[in-house]
Every structure is written in C-alpha cells, then in structure tokens.
C-alpha atoms as a PDB file:
ATOM      1  CA  MET A   1      22.412  28.015  -2.357  1.00  0.00           C
ATOM      2  CA  SER A   2      26.002  27.646  -1.098  1.00  0.00           C
ATOM      3  CA  ASP A   3      27.810  24.332  -1.416  1.00  0.00           C
ATOM      4  CA  HIS A   4      27.526  23.811   2.361  1.00  0.00           C
ATOM      5  CA  LEU A   5      23.797  24.421   2.380  1.00  0.00           C
ATOM      6  CA  SER A   6      23.329  22.285  -0.750  1.00  0.00           C
ATOM      7  CA  LYS A   7      25.161  19.322   0.888  1.00  0.00           C
ATOM      8  CA  GLN A   8      23.131  19.738   4.044  1.00  0.00           C
ATOM      9  CA  PHE A   9      19.920  19.769   1.997  1.00  0.00           C
ATOM     10  CA  ASP A  10      20.963  16.653   0.183  1.00  0.00           C
ATOM     11  CA  LEU A  11      21.660  14.879   3.478  1.00  0.00           C
ATOM     12  CA  GLU A  12      18.323  15.808   4.927  1.00  0.00           C
ATOM     13  CA  LEU A  13      16.564  14.743   1.757  1.00  0.00           C
ATOM     14  CA  GLU A  14      18.368  11.420   1.652  1.00  0.00           C
ATOM     15  CA  ASN A  15      17.425  10.859   5.349  1.00  0.00           C
ATOM     16  CA  ILE A  16      13.741  11.376   4.495  1.00  0.00           C
ATOM     17  CA  ARG A  17      13.993   9.019   1.502  1.00  0.00           C
ATOM     18  CA  THR A  18      15.645   6.349   3.713  1.00  0.00           C
ATOM     19  CA  ARG A  19      12.957   6.636   6.374  1.00  0.00           C
ATOM     20  CA  ILE A  20      10.103   6.414   3.838  1.00  0.00           C
ATOM     21  CA  LEU A  21      11.639   3.261   2.415  1.00  0.00           C
ATOM     22  CA  GLN A  22      11.898   1.868   5.945  1.00  0.00           C
ATOM     23  CA  MET A  23       8.220   2.722   6.473  1.00  0.00           C
ATOM     24  CA  GLY A  24       7.406   1.022   3.197  1.00  0.00           C
ATOM     25  CA  GLY A  25       9.190  -2.074   4.287  1.00  0.00           C
ATOM     26  CA  LEU A  26       7.218  -2.143   7.539  1.00  0.00           C
ATOM     27  CA  VAL A  27       3.800  -1.784   5.865  1.00  0.00           C
ATOM     28  CA  GLU A  28       4.750  -4.447   3.301  1.00  0.00           C
ATOM     29  CA  ARG A  29       5.462  -6.860   6.140  1.00  0.00           C
ATOM     30  CA  GLN A  30       2.203  -5.873   7.772  1.00  0.00           C
ATOM     31  CA  VAL A  31       0.203  -6.739   4.684  1.00  0.00           C
ATOM     32  CA  LEU A  32       1.895 -10.103   4.256  1.00  0.00           C
ATOM     33  CA  ALA A  33       1.503 -10.949   7.945  1.00  0.00           C
ATOM     34  CA  ALA A  34      -2.181  -9.947   7.934  1.00  0.00           C
ATOM     35  CA  VAL A  35      -2.985 -12.066   4.846  1.00  0.00           C
ATOM     36  CA  ASP A  36      -1.041 -15.025   6.233  1.00  0.00           C
ATOM     37  CA  ALA A  37      -2.878 -14.763   9.563  1.00  0.00           C
ATOM     38  CA  PHE A  38      -6.182 -14.753   7.745  1.00  0.00           C
ATOM     39  CA  SER A  39      -5.260 -18.027   6.098  1.00  0.00           C
ATOM     40  CA  SER A  40      -3.699 -19.699   9.098  1.00  0.00           C
ATOM     41  CA  GLY A  41      -5.942 -18.374  11.905  1.00  0.00           C
ATOM     42  CA  ASN A  42      -2.873 -17.251  13.901  1.00  0.00           C
ATOM     43  CA  LEU A  43      -4.447 -14.905  16.438  1.00  0.00           C
ATOM     44  CA  ASP A  44      -1.051 -13.830  17.877  1.00  0.00           C
ATOM     45  CA  GLU A  45       0.055 -12.719  14.414  1.00  0.00           C
ATOM     46  CA  MET A  46      -3.194 -10.807  13.916  1.00  0.00           C
ATOM     47  CA  GLN A  47      -2.735  -8.987  17.223  1.00  0.00           C
ATOM     48  CA  GLN A  48       0.878  -8.123  16.352  1.00  0.00           C
ATOM     49  CA  VAL A  49      -0.301  -6.557  13.031  1.00  0.00           C
ATOM     50  CA  ILE A  50      -2.851  -4.488  14.909  1.00  0.00           C
ATOM     51  CA  GLY A  51      -0.324  -3.376  17.472  1.00  0.00           C
ATOM     52  CA  ASN A  52       2.304  -2.446  14.857  1.00  0.00           C
ATOM     53  CA  ASP A  53      -0.092   0.051  13.279  1.00  0.00           C
ATOM     54  CA  ARG A  54       0.928   2.579  15.964  1.00  0.00           C
ATOM     55  CA  GLU A  55       4.497   2.440  14.659  1.00  0.00           C
ATOM     56  CA  VAL A  56       3.271   3.094  11.135  1.00  0.00           C
ATOM     57  CA  ASP A  57       1.264   6.112  12.364  1.00  0.00           C
ATOM     58  CA  ALA A  58       4.295   7.461  14.225  1.00  0.00           C
ATOM     59  CA  LEU A  59       6.475   7.203  11.130  1.00  0.00           C
ATOM     60  CA  GLU A  60       3.923   9.135   9.076  1.00  0.00           C
ATOM     61  CA  VAL A  61       3.796  11.944  11.577  1.00  0.00           C
ATOM     62  CA  GLY A  62       7.618  12.137  11.888  1.00  0.00           C
ATOM     63  CA  ILE A  63       8.285  12.093   8.120  1.00  0.00           C
ATOM     64  CA  ASP A  64       5.532  14.653   7.460  1.00  0.00           C
ATOM     65  CA  GLU A  65       7.103  16.953  10.038  1.00  0.00           C
ATOM     66  CA  ASP A  66      10.534  16.545   8.468  1.00  0.00           C
ATOM     67  CA  CYS A  67       9.160  17.381   5.011  1.00  0.00           C
ATOM     68  CA  THR A  68       7.459  20.534   6.349  1.00  0.00           C
ATOM     69  CA  LEU A  69      10.669  21.659   8.071  1.00  0.00           C
ATOM     70  CA  LEU A  70      12.746  20.924   5.014  1.00  0.00           C
ATOM     71  CA  ILE A  71      10.525  23.091   2.820  1.00  0.00           C
ATOM     72  CA  ALA A  72      10.519  25.919   5.400  1.00  0.00           C
ATOM     73  CA  ARG A  73      14.282  25.910   5.952  1.00  0.00           C
ATOM     74  CA  ARG A  74      15.695  25.095   2.478  1.00  0.00           C
ATOM     75  CA  GLN A  75      12.934  26.359   0.153  1.00  0.00           C
ATOM     76  CA  PRO A  76      13.653  23.704  -2.492  1.00  0.00           C
ATOM     77  CA  THR A  77      12.784  24.317  -6.097  1.00  0.00           C
ATOM     78  CA  ALA A  78      12.111  22.305  -9.302  1.00  0.00           C
ATOM     79  CA  ARG A  79      12.718  18.555  -8.915  1.00  0.00           C
ATOM     80  CA  ASP A  80      13.751  18.817  -5.305  1.00  0.00           C
ATOM     81  CA  LEU A  81      10.398  20.412  -4.453  1.00  0.00           C
ATOM     82  CA  ARG A  82       8.559  17.815  -6.506  1.00  0.00           C
ATOM     83  CA  LEU A  83      10.350  15.071  -4.544  1.00  0.00           C
ATOM     84  CA  VAL A  84       9.412  16.535  -1.147  1.00  0.00           C
ATOM     85  CA  MET A  85       5.810  17.030  -2.177  1.00  0.00           C
ATOM     86  CA  ALA A  86       5.493  13.596  -3.662  1.00  0.00           C
ATOM     87  CA  ILE A  87       7.105  12.008  -0.626  1.00  0.00           C
ATOM     88  CA  SER A  88       4.474  13.680   1.537  1.00  0.00           C
ATOM     89  CA  ARG A  89       1.736  12.057  -0.601  1.00  0.00           C
ATOM     90  CA  ILE A  90       3.540   8.717  -0.570  1.00  0.00           C
ATOM     91  CA  VAL A  91       3.726   8.763   3.227  1.00  0.00           C
ATOM     92  CA  THR A  92      -0.062   9.192   3.335  1.00  0.00           C
ATOM     93  CA  ASP A  93      -0.566   6.233   1.010  1.00  0.00           C
ATOM     94  CA  LEU A  94       1.763   4.071   3.093  1.00  0.00           C
ATOM     95  CA  GLU A  95      -0.074   5.024   6.309  1.00  0.00           C
ATOM     96  CA  ARG A  96      -3.368   3.955   4.616  1.00  0.00           C
ATOM     97  CA  VAL A  97      -1.819   0.670   3.569  1.00  0.00           C
ATOM     98  CA  GLY A  98      -0.900   0.154   7.238  1.00  0.00           C
ATOM     99  CA  ASP A  99      -4.572   0.863   8.123  1.00  0.00           C
ATOM    100  CA  LYS A 100      -5.723  -1.721   5.565  1.00  0.00           C
ATOM    101  CA  ALA A 101      -3.354  -4.348   7.042  1.00  0.00           C
ATOM    102  CA  SER A 102      -4.702  -3.632  10.519  1.00  0.00           C
ATOM    103  CA  LYS A 103      -8.257  -3.889   9.191  1.00  0.00           C
ATOM    104  CA  ILE A 104      -7.508  -7.256   7.563  1.00  0.00           C
ATOM    105  CA  ALA A 105      -6.090  -8.472  10.888  1.00  0.00           C
ATOM    106  CA  ARG A 106      -9.103  -7.163  12.886  1.00  0.00           C
ATOM    107  CA  MET A 107     -11.640  -8.714  10.513  1.00  0.00           C
ATOM    108  CA  SER A 108      -9.704 -11.996  10.525  1.00  0.00           C
ATOM    109  CA  GLN A 109      -9.648 -11.951  14.286  1.00  0.00           C
ATOM    110  CA  LYS A 110     -13.416 -11.541  14.354  1.00  0.00           C
ATOM    111  CA  LEU A 111     -13.926 -14.380  11.902  1.00  0.00           C
ATOM    112  CA  HIS A 112     -11.688 -16.861  13.723  1.00  0.00           C
ATOM    113  CA  GLN A 113     -12.927 -15.962  17.224  1.00  0.00           C
ATOM    114  CA  SER A 114     -16.572 -16.447  16.147  1.00  0.00           C
ATOM    115  CA  GLY A 115     -15.840 -20.184  15.719  1.00  0.00           C
ATOM    116  CA  ALA A 116     -18.517 -20.613  13.031  1.00  0.00           C
ATOM    117  CA  GLN A 117     -16.478 -21.228   9.886  1.00  0.00           C
ATOM    118  CA  ARG A 118     -18.831 -22.287   7.085  1.00  0.00           C
ATOM    119  CA  ILE A 119     -16.692 -20.917   4.284  1.00  0.00           C
ATOM    120  CA  PRO A 120     -13.224 -22.327   3.683  1.00  0.00           C
ATOM    121  CA  ARG A 121     -10.419 -19.705   3.800  1.00  0.00           C
ATOM    122  CA  LEU A 122     -10.322 -18.931   0.080  1.00  0.00           C
ATOM    123  CA  SER A 123      -6.917 -19.432  -1.490  1.00  0.00           C
ATOM    124  CA  ASP A 124      -7.768 -16.561  -3.857  1.00  0.00           C
ATOM    125  CA  VAL A 125      -7.662 -14.212  -0.901  1.00  0.00           C
ATOM    126  CA  HIS A 126      -4.134 -15.231  -0.128  1.00  0.00           C
ATOM    127  CA  HIS A 127      -3.211 -14.979  -3.814  1.00  0.00           C
ATOM    128  CA  CYS A 128      -4.749 -11.486  -4.023  1.00  0.00           C
ATOM    129  CA  GLY A 129      -2.755 -10.462  -0.945  1.00  0.00           C
ATOM    130  CA  ARG A 130       0.479 -11.694  -2.556  1.00  0.00           C
ATOM    131  CA  LEU A 131      -0.286  -9.684  -5.679  1.00  0.00           C
ATOM    132  CA  ALA A 132      -0.907  -6.560  -3.578  1.00  0.00           C
ATOM    133  CA  SER A 133       2.326  -7.085  -1.636  1.00  0.00           C
ATOM    134  CA  ASP A 134       4.289  -7.535  -4.921  1.00  0.00           C
ATOM    135  CA  MET A 135       2.773  -4.270  -6.228  1.00  0.00           C
ATOM    136  CA  LEU A 136       3.754  -2.458  -3.034  1.00  0.00           C
ATOM    137  CA  GLN A 137       7.269  -3.866  -3.213  1.00  0.00           C
ATOM    138  CA  GLY A 138       7.489  -2.870  -6.880  1.00  0.00           C
ATOM    139  CA  SER A 139       6.363   0.710  -6.222  1.00  0.00           C
ATOM    140  CA  LEU A 140       8.884   1.059  -3.381  1.00  0.00           C
ATOM    141  CA  ASP A 141      11.700  -0.313  -5.572  1.00  0.00           C
ATOM    142  CA  SER A 142      10.712   2.172  -8.295  1.00  0.00           C
ATOM    143  CA  LEU A 143      10.949   4.921  -5.700  1.00  0.00           C
ATOM    144  CA  ALA A 144      14.334   3.791  -4.470  1.00  0.00           C
ATOM    145  CA  ARG A 145      15.713   3.691  -8.025  1.00  0.00           C
ATOM    146  CA  MET A 146      13.566   6.521  -9.464  1.00  0.00           C
ATOM    147  CA  ASP A 147      12.657   4.017 -12.204  1.00  0.00           C
ATOM    148  CA  VAL A 148       9.740   5.186 -14.356  1.00  0.00           C
ATOM    149  CA  ASP A 149       9.502   1.920 -16.295  1.00  0.00           C
ATOM    150  CA  ALA A 150       9.192  -0.055 -13.037  1.00  0.00           C
ATOM    151  CA  ALA A 151       6.545   2.382 -11.837  1.00  0.00           C
ATOM    152  CA  ARG A 152       4.556   1.871 -15.054  1.00  0.00           C
ATOM    153  CA  ARG A 153       4.690  -1.943 -14.545  1.00  0.00           C
ATOM    154  CA  VAL A 154       3.213  -1.463 -11.058  1.00  0.00           C
ATOM    155  CA  ILE A 155       0.357   0.622 -12.495  1.00  0.00           C
ATOM    156  CA  GLY A 156      -0.375  -2.073 -15.127  1.00  0.00           C
ATOM    157  CA  ALA A 157      -0.444  -4.798 -12.485  1.00  0.00           C
ATOM    158  CA  ASP A 158      -3.432  -3.293 -10.724  1.00  0.00           C
ATOM    159  CA  LYS A 159      -5.661  -5.047 -13.273  1.00  0.00           C
ATOM    160  CA  ALA A 160      -4.638  -8.460 -11.904  1.00  0.00           C
ATOM    161  CA  ILE A 161      -5.711  -7.472  -8.367  1.00  0.00           C
ATOM    162  CA  ASP A 162      -9.062  -6.192  -9.622  1.00  0.00           C
ATOM    163  CA  ALA A 163      -9.597  -9.466 -11.475  1.00  0.00           C
ATOM    164  CA  ALA A 164      -8.697 -11.466  -8.352  1.00  0.00           C
ATOM    165  CA  PHE A 165     -11.058  -9.412  -6.205  1.00  0.00           C
ATOM    166  CA  ASN A 166     -13.914  -9.984  -8.679  1.00  0.00           C
ATOM    167  CA  ALA A 167     -13.218 -13.716  -8.632  1.00  0.00           C
ATOM    168  CA  ILE A 168     -13.452 -13.719  -4.809  1.00  0.00           C
ATOM    169  CA  LEU A 169     -16.649 -11.728  -4.961  1.00  0.00           C
ATOM    170  CA  ARG A 170     -18.256 -14.245  -7.392  1.00  0.00           C
ATOM    171  CA  GLN A 171     -17.273 -17.172  -5.168  1.00  0.00           C
ATOM    172  CA  LEU A 172     -18.705 -15.512  -2.005  1.00  0.00           C
ATOM    173  CA  ILE A 173     -21.950 -14.553  -3.750  1.00  0.00           C
ATOM    174  CA  THR A 174     -22.341 -18.218  -4.741  1.00  0.00           C
ATOM    175  CA  TYR A 175     -21.885 -19.297  -1.078  1.00  0.00           C
ATOM    176  CA  MET A 176     -24.412 -16.743   0.087  1.00  0.00           C
ATOM    177  CA  MET A 177     -27.005 -17.787  -2.518  1.00  0.00           C
ATOM    178  CA  GLU A 178     -26.576 -21.493  -1.735  1.00  0.00           C
ATOM    179  CA  ASP A 179     -26.596 -21.076   2.036  1.00  0.00           C
ATOM    180  CA  PRO A 180     -27.922 -17.905   3.669  1.00  0.00           C
ATOM    181  CA  ARG A 181     -26.205 -18.876   6.912  1.00  0.00           C
ATOM    182  CA  THR A 182     -22.871 -17.889   5.279  1.00  0.00           C
ATOM    183  CA  ILE A 183     -23.949 -14.327   4.560  1.00  0.00           C
ATOM    184  CA  SER A 184     -22.383 -12.704   7.628  1.00  0.00           C
ATOM    185  CA  GLU A 185     -19.099 -14.583   7.245  1.00  0.00           C
ATOM    186  CA  ALA A 186     -18.989 -13.957   3.489  1.00  0.00           C
ATOM    187  CA  LEU A 187     -19.501 -10.195   3.981  1.00  0.00           C
ATOM    188  CA  ASP A 188     -16.578 -10.100   6.451  1.00  0.00           C
ATOM    189  CA  ILE A 189     -14.338 -11.837   3.871  1.00  0.00           C
ATOM    190  CA  ILE A 190     -15.500  -9.368   1.195  1.00  0.00           C
ATOM    191  CA  TRP A 191     -14.332  -6.507   3.457  1.00  0.00           C
ATOM    192  CA  ILE A 192     -10.953  -8.257   3.841  1.00  0.00           C
ATOM    193  CA  ALA A 193     -10.658  -8.751   0.071  1.00  0.00           C
ATOM    194  CA  LYS A 194     -11.665  -5.144  -0.563  1.00  0.00           C
ATOM    195  CA  ALA A 195      -8.929  -3.942   1.863  1.00  0.00           C
ATOM    196  CA  ILE A 196      -6.428  -6.003  -0.095  1.00  0.00           C
ATOM    197  CA  GLU A 197      -7.608  -4.527  -3.362  1.00  0.00           C
ATOM    198  CA  ARG A 198      -7.166  -1.060  -1.877  1.00  0.00           C
ATOM    199  CA  VAL A 199      -3.541  -1.852  -1.051  1.00  0.00           C
ATOM    200  CA  GLY A 200      -3.092  -2.279  -4.795  1.00  0.00           C
ATOM    201  CA  ASP A 201      -4.653   1.100  -5.384  1.00  0.00           C
ATOM    202  CA  HIS A 202      -2.260   2.774  -2.948  1.00  0.00           C
ATOM    203  CA  ALA A 203       0.704   1.001  -4.570  1.00  0.00           C
ATOM    204  CA  THR A 204      -0.497   2.478  -7.863  1.00  0.00           C
ATOM    205  CA  ASN A 205      -0.624   5.943  -6.293  1.00  0.00           C
ATOM    206  CA  ILE A 206       2.990   5.567  -5.127  1.00  0.00           C
ATOM    207  CA  ALA A 207       4.084   4.509  -8.634  1.00  0.00           C
ATOM    208  CA  GLU A 208       2.267   7.510 -10.170  1.00  0.00           C
ATOM    209  CA  ASN A 209       4.120   9.800  -7.701  1.00  0.00           C
ATOM    210  CA  VAL A 210       7.447   8.282  -8.826  1.00  0.00           C
ATOM    211  CA  ILE A 211       6.591   9.235 -12.398  1.00  0.00           C
ATOM    212  CA  TYR A 212       5.716  12.725 -11.144  1.00  0.00           C
ATOM    213  CA  ILE A 213       9.044  13.049  -9.358  1.00  0.00           C
ATOM    214  CA  VAL A 214      11.113  11.994 -12.350  1.00  0.00           C
ATOM    215  CA  SER A 215       9.246  13.527 -15.198  1.00  0.00           C
ATOM    216  CA  GLY A 216       7.207  16.350 -13.613  1.00  0.00           C
ATOM    217  CA  ILE A 217       4.057  14.889 -15.210  1.00  0.00           C
ATOM    218  CA  ASP A 218       1.097  14.312 -12.903  1.00  0.00           C
ATOM    219  CA  ILE A 219      -0.765  11.305 -14.301  1.00  0.00           C
ATOM    220  CA  ARG A 220      -3.174  10.856 -11.441  1.00  0.00           C
ATOM    221  CA  HIS A 221      -6.878  10.604 -12.388  1.00  0.00           C
ATOM    222  CA  SER A 222      -6.070  10.691 -16.125  1.00  0.00           C
ATOM    223  CA  ALA A 223      -6.055   8.371 -19.086  1.00  0.00           C
ATOM    224  CA  VAL A 224      -2.364   9.053 -19.465  1.00  0.00           C
ATOM    225  CA  ALA A 225      -1.570   6.378 -16.896  1.00  0.00           C
ATOM    226  CA  ALA A 226      -3.331   3.726 -18.930  1.00  0.00           C
ATOM    227  CA  SER A 227      -1.822   4.824 -22.214  1.00  0.00           C
ATOM    228  CA  LYS A 228       1.684   4.893 -20.815  1.00  0.00           C
ATOM    229  CA  THR A 229       1.254   1.474 -19.301  1.00  0.00           C
ATOM    230  CA  ASP A 230       0.142   0.071 -22.622  1.00  0.00           C
ATOM    231  CA  GLU A 231       3.277   1.461 -24.246  1.00  0.00           C
ATOM    232  CA  ALA A 232       5.603  -0.019 -21.603  1.00  0.00           C
END
C-alpha cells in the first residue's frame, strides 16, 4: 500500500473509531438516564430515552456501512482487519445496550403510569445500573486506549452486577411471597433489572473484543477470560 493510500486508510479508520466512541457515549447516557428515570418517575426522561433509540440505531447502520466499505476499498490485513471486524461486533453490542436502555424506560413508564406502586423503587436497581454504566464506560475507555489490562478489569467487574441482580431477585421474590398483589409489579422490575444485567454482559463483550484487537486472541466463550482476569 502506498504512503498516500496508507494515510487515507488511517484517516478512515480513525473516523470510524471516533464515531463508535461517540455512539458509546450516547448509549452510556441512555443507560444512566433510564435508570435515573426508573428511580425518580420522570416520565419526560423516560420518553426521551425511548426517542433517542432511533439515533443509536442510525449510528449502528452508518458505522456498519463504513466498515464494509473500508474492507472493500482498502482490503486491510492483520491487526487493521482485526480492528475493523471487532468494531463491527462492538457496534452491535452498543446497539443492543441502547435497546436495553429503551426497554428499561418503557417498563418504567408502564410501572409509573399504572399508579399502583406497592413495591418501593429498590435502591439496588439504581446501584446495579451504576455498576453497568461504569462497566460500559470502562470498556469504552479500554477501546479508546487499546488497554488490555483495563479490558480485563471490566470482564472481572461483571461478577458484581450478577451479584446485585441476584440480590434484587431475592428481594422481589420475598415481596411476591408475602403479598401476591405485588406479583405483576415485581415481574416488571425483574425485567428492568435483567436488562441492566445484560448491559454488563455487552460491556464484557466489548472488553473481550479489545483484547482480540490488541493480542489477536479471541477469548469469547472460553475459560481464558476468567483465568486472565484472575491474573490481572
């Protein structure tokens, strides 16, 4: 590849990286806003999160198209090809995080509009949401810096979200057992908590892709992720 083409490729690649980090910032704000709206009952904020999901979808489509064109025009190899392929996967994870934020907002909307609040808005749900947002931020930071150690820390942090989700589940089961009238409301909150827990899973996927970009090692669906986290 000539110097001119190489510089052009680098510019196009950097543009894609910048846009994916912008997309990440948007979905991170979406998650925080959705969780805050669940706790506060702010219906306007819930509606804004739901409306912003269209912007997330548009970013996914645009970045995916850019990745496809970049591969077709430049035919990248080695680490550059890994980067483009991993970015394509990361975009999908970010779009799904946006979907989860929209789901949290929609379920919160349903809960608050029903007017029958028998279960207090659990502080653990807000705590779990903050953990998920921190993981997402950490995974995006590791992507921006290509920092494998930071990516491993994100992978290890997923255990805390799983523990928080299980604590929420135990609380809600107690409510349902003590008062069957809370069952419908408790199930809605469980769906919200599960959506938050899935945000953590997608953040983990992003971190695993950072490790793939830097090292060329694909640790998805393997025990390697756990062992490397323990060593970190």
